[in-house]
Protein backbone atom coordinates (compact mmCIF):
# COMPACT_ATOMS: atom_id res chain seq x y z
CA MET A 1 10.79 -87.99 -61.24
CA ASP A 2 13.41 -88.10 -63.92
CA ALA A 3 13.47 -85.84 -67.00
CA LEU A 4 11.20 -88.13 -69.01
CA ASP A 5 8.65 -88.29 -66.17
CA VAL A 6 8.65 -84.49 -65.96
CA GLN A 7 8.14 -84.14 -69.73
CA ARG A 8 5.28 -86.67 -69.76
CA THR A 9 3.61 -85.00 -66.81
CA ILE A 10 3.82 -81.53 -68.33
CA ARG A 11 2.37 -82.86 -71.59
CA ARG A 12 -0.55 -84.38 -69.65
CA LEU A 13 -1.11 -81.08 -67.83
CA ALA A 14 -1.14 -79.21 -71.15
CA ARG A 15 -3.88 -81.56 -72.36
CA GLN A 16 -5.85 -80.89 -69.17
CA ILE A 17 -5.68 -77.15 -69.85
CA ILE A 18 -6.87 -77.75 -73.41
CA GLU A 19 -9.79 -79.82 -72.11
CA SER A 20 -10.76 -77.08 -69.65
CA ILE A 21 -11.05 -74.43 -72.36
CA ASN A 22 -14.52 -73.55 -73.59
CA SER A 23 -14.84 -72.29 -77.16
CA ASP A 24 -15.76 -68.79 -76.00
CA ASP A 25 -13.02 -68.56 -73.34
CA GLU A 26 -10.19 -66.09 -73.55
CA VAL A 27 -7.53 -68.15 -71.79
CA ALA A 28 -4.16 -67.04 -70.45
CA ILE A 29 -1.46 -68.71 -68.38
CA VAL A 30 0.12 -66.88 -65.45
CA GLY A 31 3.35 -68.43 -64.17
CA LEU A 32 4.29 -67.69 -60.57
CA HIS A 33 7.91 -66.79 -59.98
CA ARG A 34 10.19 -68.62 -60.04
CA ARG A 35 9.71 -72.08 -61.47
CA GLY A 36 6.05 -71.56 -62.30
CA VAL A 37 7.22 -69.17 -65.00
CA TYR A 38 9.23 -71.91 -66.73
CA LEU A 39 6.44 -74.44 -66.30
CA GLY A 40 3.97 -71.93 -67.74
CA ALA A 41 6.18 -71.32 -70.78
CA ARG A 42 6.41 -75.05 -71.45
CA LEU A 43 2.65 -75.42 -71.16
CA GLN A 44 2.10 -72.49 -73.52
CA SER A 45 4.44 -74.07 -76.07
CA LEU A 46 2.80 -77.49 -75.80
CA ILE A 47 -0.72 -76.09 -76.20
CA LEU A 48 0.40 -74.38 -79.41
CA GLU A 49 2.09 -77.59 -80.60
CA LEU A 50 -0.82 -79.91 -79.73
CA GLU A 51 -3.81 -77.77 -80.71
CA GLY A 52 -2.51 -74.75 -82.58
CA ILE A 53 -3.94 -72.50 -79.86
CA SER A 54 -1.85 -69.47 -78.99
CA VAL A 55 -2.33 -68.77 -75.28
CA PRO A 56 -0.88 -65.57 -73.79
CA LEU A 57 1.61 -66.01 -70.96
CA GLY A 58 2.15 -63.69 -68.05
CA THR A 59 4.48 -63.80 -65.07
CA LEU A 60 3.56 -62.89 -61.52
CA ASP A 61 5.65 -62.03 -58.49
CA ILE A 62 3.64 -62.50 -55.29
CA THR A 63 6.36 -61.50 -52.82
CA MET A 64 4.60 -58.37 -51.58
CA TYR A 65 1.30 -60.26 -51.23
CA ARG A 66 2.65 -62.99 -48.96
CA ASP A 67 1.28 -62.96 -45.43
CA ASP A 68 4.76 -63.76 -44.12
CA PHE A 69 6.55 -61.02 -46.09
CA ARG A 70 7.57 -58.96 -43.08
CA SER A 71 8.01 -61.85 -40.64
CA GLY A 72 10.68 -63.71 -42.60
CA LEU A 73 14.26 -63.30 -41.53
CA LYS A 74 15.76 -63.91 -44.94
CA GLU A 75 15.85 -61.18 -47.54
CA ARG A 76 13.37 -61.80 -50.33
CA LYS A 77 14.15 -61.02 -53.94
CA ILE A 78 11.39 -59.12 -55.68
CA ARG A 79 10.95 -60.12 -59.30
CA SER A 80 8.96 -58.45 -62.03
CA THR A 81 5.32 -59.02 -62.81
CA ASN A 82 4.56 -58.98 -66.51
CA ILE A 83 0.93 -59.50 -67.46
CA PRO A 84 0.74 -58.22 -71.06
CA PHE A 85 -3.02 -58.75 -71.35
CA ASP A 86 -6.19 -57.58 -69.63
CA VAL A 87 -7.17 -60.05 -66.90
CA ASN A 88 -10.78 -58.86 -66.85
CA HIS A 89 -13.30 -61.45 -68.05
CA ARG A 90 -10.48 -63.88 -68.90
CA HIS A 91 -10.00 -67.53 -67.91
CA LEU A 92 -6.65 -67.59 -66.09
CA VAL A 93 -4.60 -70.65 -65.28
CA LEU A 94 -2.23 -69.87 -62.41
CA VAL A 95 0.83 -72.13 -62.58
CA ASP A 96 3.39 -73.08 -59.93
CA ASP A 97 5.80 -75.96 -59.46
CA VAL A 98 4.85 -77.10 -55.94
CA LEU A 99 1.67 -76.70 -53.87
CA TYR A 100 2.29 -76.96 -50.14
CA THR A 101 0.44 -74.79 -47.59
CA GLY A 102 -1.68 -72.86 -50.10
CA ARG A 103 -0.33 -69.48 -49.02
CA THR A 104 1.44 -68.79 -52.34
CA VAL A 105 -1.77 -69.46 -54.28
CA ARG A 106 -3.77 -67.21 -51.95
CA ALA A 107 -1.21 -64.44 -52.49
CA ALA A 108 -1.37 -64.99 -56.27
CA MET A 109 -5.16 -64.67 -56.27
CA ASP A 110 -4.88 -61.41 -54.31
CA ALA A 111 -2.28 -60.07 -56.75
CA VAL A 112 -4.38 -60.98 -59.79
CA THR A 113 -7.56 -59.44 -58.40
CA ASP A 114 -5.65 -56.19 -57.85
CA LEU A 115 -5.21 -56.17 -61.63
CA GLY A 116 -8.85 -56.87 -62.46
CA ARG A 117 -11.63 -59.42 -62.26
CA PRO A 118 -11.03 -62.62 -64.21
CA ALA A 119 -14.03 -64.64 -65.35
CA ARG A 120 -12.40 -67.73 -63.88
CA MET A 121 -9.17 -68.73 -62.18
CA GLN A 122 -7.79 -72.24 -62.06
CA PHE A 123 -4.64 -73.45 -60.39
CA LEU A 124 -2.20 -75.95 -61.89
CA THR A 125 0.76 -77.45 -60.05
CA LEU A 126 3.39 -79.95 -61.07
CA ILE A 127 3.63 -81.38 -57.52
CA ASP A 128 1.07 -81.35 -54.71
CA ARG A 129 2.88 -82.21 -51.49
CA GLU A 130 -0.23 -81.74 -49.31
CA HIS A 131 -0.06 -80.19 -45.78
CA ARG A 132 -2.49 -77.37 -46.56
CA GLU A 133 -2.88 -74.50 -44.08
CA LEU A 134 -5.59 -72.83 -46.14
CA PRO A 135 -8.66 -74.31 -47.89
CA ILE A 136 -7.01 -74.26 -51.32
CA ARG A 137 -6.70 -77.05 -53.85
CA ALA A 138 -5.24 -77.43 -57.30
CA ASP A 139 -7.54 -77.95 -60.28
CA MET A 140 -4.81 -79.72 -62.25
CA ILE A 141 -2.07 -81.74 -60.56
CA GLY A 142 0.91 -83.43 -62.13
CA ARG A 143 1.64 -85.71 -59.21
CA VAL A 144 0.75 -85.96 -55.53
CA VAL A 145 3.82 -86.58 -53.37
CA PRO A 146 2.94 -87.18 -49.71
CA THR A 147 5.64 -85.67 -47.50
CA ILE A 148 6.47 -85.22 -43.85
CA SER A 149 7.34 -81.84 -42.34
CA ARG A 150 11.12 -82.26 -42.52
CA GLU A 151 11.03 -83.14 -46.24
CA GLU A 152 11.04 -80.77 -49.18
CA VAL A 153 10.20 -81.28 -52.82
CA MET A 154 12.96 -79.96 -55.08
CA VAL A 155 11.92 -79.27 -58.67
CA GLN A 156 14.54 -78.53 -61.29
CA PHE A 157 13.96 -77.30 -64.82
CA ASN A 158 16.51 -77.38 -67.60
CA GLU A 159 16.05 -73.66 -68.30
CA ILE A 160 17.64 -72.62 -64.98
CA ASP A 161 19.02 -75.80 -63.40
CA ASP A 162 20.53 -77.54 -66.45
CA ARG A 163 18.37 -80.62 -65.87
CA ASP A 164 14.76 -81.66 -65.36
CA GLY A 165 13.71 -83.65 -62.35
CA VAL A 166 11.86 -83.77 -59.06
CA TRP A 167 13.44 -85.00 -55.85
CA LEU A 168 12.29 -85.50 -52.29
CA VAL A 169 15.02 -84.20 -49.99
CA GLU A 170 15.32 -84.02 -46.24
CA ARG A 171 15.66 -80.49 -44.89
CA GLU A 172 18.63 -79.82 -42.64
CA GLN A 173 17.53 -79.16 -39.07
């Protein structure tokens, strides 16, 4: 996907969030570190632009909730969680850039439920690359990109990568 494809897809996803909101919902977006935070901020901005609805945005680090936290050989960077609103009885949209095995989403749900009990949680991803290991699916998907095990989906956002785009790359063996 080039920059224009990414922008169009994010705009479509913002409209899907708008359509999922009931009039009595208290909605908030929770971006998962790292690129889900930037995607969440763009969605928040677009929802305000398109509908005049101000949706709170939080950020979530799921590092300590991962089931592979202690088994990984590489050092993991722990980032901050900033949820400046009460999650109880709120409609949350969890946001990440790529859905793969489902383990990140499971960890995010665990982290959120430690903070309270939302009325509803939905999951939005820019790219679904399939290969689930857990029975998890996205409610809103930008694009499905079938991959094989040696491929990775690389998402770049202008805010941290100086360009927007999505590439399928082959992992070094």
